[in-house]
């Protein structure tokens, strides 16, 4: 049974790396169910602990990457809105910006 547990963790790891969070959650739930039905022996527990720790690290990295992507998309949309020269009715919009002219030294 411990081989099955390790297989579930490996499958969850692959799903996280592939970005398929729905599959990863399914594999983690299967791992949890299998571990409850037949608890692993002490030798296998240590291997499983390191696997679970790795899953946590991967999931946190995935979360950071997703948040970063969302922030970048938000900035792109905000920047694109400032570049619009026509409004919804087709009237030209002129936005003046006050900025210092660059100087060369």
C-alpha atoms as a PDB file:
ATOM      1  CA  UNK A   1       0.000   0.000   0.000  1.00  0.00           C
ATOM      2  CA  UNK A   2       2.881   2.366   0.630  1.00  0.00           C
ATOM      3  CA  UNK A   3       3.733   2.174  -3.066  1.00  0.00           C
ATOM      4  CA  UNK A   4       0.245   3.425  -3.810  1.00  0.00           C
ATOM      5  CA  UNK A   5       0.713   6.342  -1.416  1.00  0.00           C
ATOM      6  CA  UNK A   6       4.014   7.283  -3.037  1.00  0.00           C
ATOM      7  CA  UNK A   7       2.367   7.000  -6.457  1.00  0.00           C
ATOM      8  CA  UNK A   8      -0.410   9.391  -5.388  1.00  0.00           C
ATOM      9  CA  UNK A   9       2.179  11.918  -4.160  1.00  0.00           C
ATOM     10  CA  UNK A  10       4.190  11.614  -7.367  1.00  0.00           C
ATOM     11  CA  UNK A  11       1.049  12.110  -9.413  1.00  0.00           C
ATOM     12  CA  UNK A  12       0.095  15.178  -7.353  1.00  0.00           C
ATOM     13  CA  UNK A  13       3.604  16.568  -7.820  1.00  0.00           C
ATOM     14  CA  UNK A  14       3.391  16.114 -11.591  1.00  0.00           C
ATOM     15  CA  UNK A  15      -0.026  17.780 -11.658  1.00  0.00           C
ATOM     16  CA  UNK A  16       1.232  20.801  -9.703  1.00  0.00           C
ATOM     17  CA  UNK A  17       4.229  21.161 -12.011  1.00  0.00           C
ATOM     18  CA  UNK A  18       1.900  20.911 -15.028  1.00  0.00           C
ATOM     19  CA  UNK A  19      -0.332  23.599 -13.513  1.00  0.00           C
ATOM     20  CA  UNK A  20      -3.370  21.312 -13.259  1.00  0.00           C
ATOM     21  CA  UNK A  21      -4.548  22.207  -9.765  1.00  0.00           C
ATOM     22  CA  UNK A  22      -7.822  20.300 -10.089  1.00  0.00           C
ATOM     23  CA  UNK A  23      -5.941  17.066 -10.815  1.00  0.00           C
ATOM     24  CA  UNK A  24      -3.436  17.827  -8.052  1.00  0.00           C
ATOM     25  CA  UNK A  25      -6.233  18.282  -5.530  1.00  0.00           C
ATOM     26  CA  UNK A  26      -7.829  15.010  -6.668  1.00  0.00           C
ATOM     27  CA  UNK A  27      -4.525  13.157  -6.226  1.00  0.00           C
ATOM     28  CA  UNK A  28      -3.955  14.680  -2.799  1.00  0.00           C
ATOM     29  CA  UNK A  29      -7.449  13.661  -1.732  1.00  0.00           C
ATOM     30  CA  UNK A  30      -6.814  10.120  -2.989  1.00  0.00           C
ATOM     31  CA  UNK A  31      -3.544  10.068  -1.063  1.00  0.00           C
ATOM     32  CA  UNK A  32      -5.330  11.195   2.086  1.00  0.00           C
ATOM     33  CA  UNK A  33      -8.088   8.597   1.706  1.00  0.00           C
ATOM     34  CA  UNK A  34      -5.600   5.792   1.057  1.00  0.00           C
ATOM     35  CA  UNK A  35      -3.463   6.837   4.053  1.00  0.00           C
ATOM     36  CA  UNK A  36      -6.518   6.832   6.328  1.00  0.00           C
ATOM     37  CA  UNK A  37      -7.575   3.364   5.181  1.00  0.00           C
ATOM     38  CA  UNK A  38      -4.145   1.818   5.547  1.00  0.00           C
ATOM     39  CA  UNK A  39      -1.662   3.888   7.558  1.00  0.00           C
ATOM     40  CA  UNK A  40       1.937   3.555   6.307  1.00  0.00           C
ATOM     41  CA  UNK A  41       4.697   1.904   8.296  1.00  0.00           C
ATOM     42  CA  UNK A  42       7.370   3.993  10.019  1.00  0.00           C
ATOM     43  CA  UNK A  43       9.926   3.518   7.240  1.00  0.00           C
ATOM     44  CA  UNK A  44       7.524   4.819   4.628  1.00  0.00           C
ATOM     45  CA  UNK A  45       6.305   7.733   6.766  1.00  0.00           C
ATOM     46  CA  UNK A  46       9.609   9.582   6.495  1.00  0.00           C
ATOM     47  CA  UNK A  47       9.612   9.251   2.714  1.00  0.00           C
ATOM     48  CA  UNK A  48       6.018  10.455   2.615  1.00  0.00           C
ATOM     49  CA  UNK A  49       6.803  13.410   4.896  1.00  0.00           C
ATOM     50  CA  UNK A  50       9.497  14.619   2.527  1.00  0.00           C
ATOM     51  CA  UNK A  51       7.110  14.157  -0.405  1.00  0.00           C
ATOM     52  CA  UNK A  52       4.384  16.150   1.319  1.00  0.00           C
ATOM     53  CA  UNK A  53       6.895  18.875   2.225  1.00  0.00           C
ATOM     54  CA  UNK A  54       7.927  19.069  -1.426  1.00  0.00           C
ATOM     55  CA  UNK A  55       4.268  19.359  -2.468  1.00  0.00           C
ATOM     56  CA  UNK A  56       3.857  22.243  -0.042  1.00  0.00           C
ATOM     57  CA  UNK A  57       6.889  24.027  -1.476  1.00  0.00           C
ATOM     58  CA  UNK A  58       5.637  23.497  -5.038  1.00  0.00           C
ATOM     59  CA  UNK A  59       2.131  24.673  -4.168  1.00  0.00           C
ATOM     60  CA  UNK A  60       3.458  27.823  -2.486  1.00  0.00           C
ATOM     61  CA  UNK A  61       5.683  28.557  -5.485  1.00  0.00           C
ATOM     62  CA  UNK A  62       2.705  28.045  -7.776  1.00  0.00           C
ATOM     63  CA  UNK A  63       0.648  30.449  -5.682  1.00  0.00           C
ATOM     64  CA  UNK A  64       3.399  33.087  -5.787  1.00  0.00           C
ATOM     65  CA  UNK A  65       3.681  32.691  -9.559  1.00  0.00           C
ATOM     66  CA  UNK A  66      -0.063  32.979 -10.027  1.00  0.00           C
ATOM     67  CA  UNK A  67      -0.245  36.092  -7.873  1.00  0.00           C
ATOM     68  CA  UNK A  68       2.635  37.624  -9.800  1.00  0.00           C
ATOM     69  CA  UNK A  69       0.918  36.887 -13.117  1.00  0.00           C
ATOM     70  CA  UNK A  70      -2.337  38.426 -11.868  1.00  0.00           C
ATOM     71  CA  UNK A  71      -0.452  41.548 -10.756  1.00  0.00           C
ATOM     72  CA  UNK A  72       1.265  41.810 -14.156  1.00  0.00           C
ATOM     73  CA  UNK A  73      -2.026  41.447 -16.011  1.00  0.00           C
ATOM     74  CA  UNK A  74      -3.601  44.082 -13.772  1.00  0.00           C
ATOM     75  CA  UNK A  75      -0.711  46.468 -14.538  1.00  0.00           C
ATOM     76  CA  UNK A  76      -0.973  45.787 -18.285  1.00  0.00           C
ATOM     77  CA  UNK A  77      -4.712  46.502 -18.258  1.00  0.00           C
ATOM     78  CA  UNK A  78      -4.196  49.668 -16.246  1.00  0.00           C
ATOM     79  CA  UNK A  79      -1.461  50.831 -18.611  1.00  0.00           C
ATOM     80  CA  UNK A  80      -3.544  49.993 -21.668  1.00  0.00           C
ATOM     81  CA  UNK A  81      -6.402  52.102 -20.323  1.00  0.00           C
ATOM     82  CA  UNK A  82      -4.136  55.128 -20.063  1.00  0.00           C
ATOM     83  CA  UNK A  83      -3.079  54.698 -23.694  1.00  0.00           C
ATOM     84  CA  UNK A  84      -6.583  54.917 -25.129  1.00  0.00           C
ATOM     85  CA  UNK A  85      -6.962  57.955 -27.366  1.00  0.00           C
ATOM     86  CA  UNK A  86     -10.648  57.505 -28.228  1.00  0.00           C
ATOM     87  CA  UNK A  87     -13.562  57.075 -25.861  1.00  0.00           C
ATOM     88  CA  UNK A  88     -16.549  54.781 -26.359  1.00  0.00           C
ATOM     89  CA  UNK A  89     -18.345  57.364 -28.531  1.00  0.00           C
ATOM     90  CA  UNK A  90     -15.388  57.808 -30.872  1.00  0.00           C
ATOM     91  CA  UNK A  91     -14.305  61.196 -29.527  1.00  0.00           C
ATOM     92  CA  UNK A  92     -10.581  61.764 -29.352  1.00  0.00           C
ATOM     93  CA  UNK A  93      -9.257  62.060 -25.817  1.00  0.00           C
ATOM     94  CA  UNK A  94      -6.139  64.066 -25.117  1.00  0.00           C
ATOM     95  CA  UNK A  95      -4.380  63.541 -21.860  1.00  0.00           C
ATOM     96  CA  UNK A  96      -1.537  65.828 -21.035  1.00  0.00           C
ATOM     97  CA  UNK A  97       1.155  64.644 -18.714  1.00  0.00           C
ATOM     98  CA  UNK A  98       3.473  66.851 -16.812  1.00  0.00           C
ATOM     99  CA  UNK A  99       6.955  65.432 -16.852  1.00  0.00           C
ATOM    100  CA  UNK A 100      10.396  66.915 -16.728  1.00  0.00           C
ATOM    101  CA  UNK A 101      12.306  66.815 -19.953  1.00  0.00           C
ATOM    102  CA  UNK A 102      15.266  64.456 -19.778  1.00  0.00           C
ATOM    103  CA  UNK A 103      18.658  66.128 -19.478  1.00  0.00           C
ATOM    104  CA  UNK A 104      21.992  64.798 -20.573  1.00  0.00           C
ATOM    105  CA  UNK A 105      24.950  65.476 -18.420  1.00  0.00           C
END
